[in-house]
Amino acid sequence: MKNKVLMCGNEACGEGAVLAGCKFYAGYPITPQNELTAYMAKRMYETNGVFIQAESEIAAINMVLGASAAGVRAMTSSSSPGISLKQEGISYMAGCELPCVIVNMQRGGPGLGNIAPSQGDYFQSVKGGGHGDYKIIVLAPASAQEFFEYTLLAFDLADKYRNPVMILGDGLLGQMMEPLHIAPPKDGPKVFEKPWALTGAKGRKQNIIRSLILAEGALEEHNKKLQEKFKLITQDEVRGETVNVKDSDVVLVAYGSVARIAKASMEMARAKGLRVGLIRPVTLWPFPDKLFDAAATSGKKFLVVEMSAGQMVEDVRLAVNGRASVEFYGRMGGGIPSEEEILQRVEAMYKV
């Protein structure tokens, strides 16, 4: 394959998974992520991996659970209602401390909704969409190139912390064609020792992987261990981008595809002499609170832009902690905010 190719986000994600050493993929068709499933069907065959089109989304996540328990780098993908069906399995994997990568190309909802892009799954992703006290790392790419690079990163983070990692995209990013520079890991995929894996107990002590923990007090101790891991992730794995924040009066906040639109609005505002900046969270969990600590000074205003009724805005308000005003602009059900719409809101904030 050439080093520079034209790919949609779905395909870029798939190639990233292959070069990360993914050897097992299970999925079920749903628009707008079908190109990823089709790409993995082809590339798993070419790289001696295993591809399974499961009978359902529920079956797919449990197949990934089994492959991960055997020590294999494993992945699944879907779109909003399909991810909802996977939540029980995701909770089981978090409880079992099993690494995997889950891709959600969000579509309009609730319900079956439509196949247009949306960001209505933020709460489901970062707050723990299944049962129990658990967290998953959530990465939010904004381009085909980042889809490729963050997929490589996702597999490493999953193995490093023995935890599911989600890549949260949307129908726009999944379908959009862009130039992609393919740079495989210099020394091949990172290799993490997995002495816990179920690889056969001949010559060693038996391994047991389970999330059913019934002994008195044992589940609480297990949960304490998980919380310590989540605390470590919060300390070491926060990622985000800031542009023109220090001298700004208004700071736009957006993630994923909307961040690209917001950046264009920022540039339009700057051309008009308006001092506008941008904060783009890259890890949605752990959330980059410290970026807002530094930006939330007296008189500064924040405008959070999402393709939802307002979800990430709650985390922004928590991070700002009352030190500055936080306003919201959103589009729902597949509506995509334009640069002009965001600029109009910015101009209105300047007039107040």
Foldseek 3Di string as FASTA:
>chain_A
DDQKDKDFLLLLLLVLCVQQQAQEEEEEDDPPNNVNLVNNVVVNVVNVGDYYDDPALCVRLVVQVQCQLQVGAYEYEDEDVSVLSNLVSQVWQQLLLTFYEYEYAYAFDDPPFDRFWFDACLCCQAVRVHDDPAGAWEFADAASQVSSVVSSVRSVVCLVLSHYYYYYAHNCRRGDIDMYRDDRDPVTHDDDDDPQHQNDQVPHDDHDGGNDDPPPPPNVVSVVVRVVSLVVCLVPPWDKDKFLQPPAQEEEEEEYNLQVQQVVLCVVCVVVVHRYMYIYGRTSVVTPLVVLVVRLAPNHEYEYEGQHPDDSQVVSCVSSVPSHYYHYDYHHSNDHDHSVNVNVVVVVVVVD
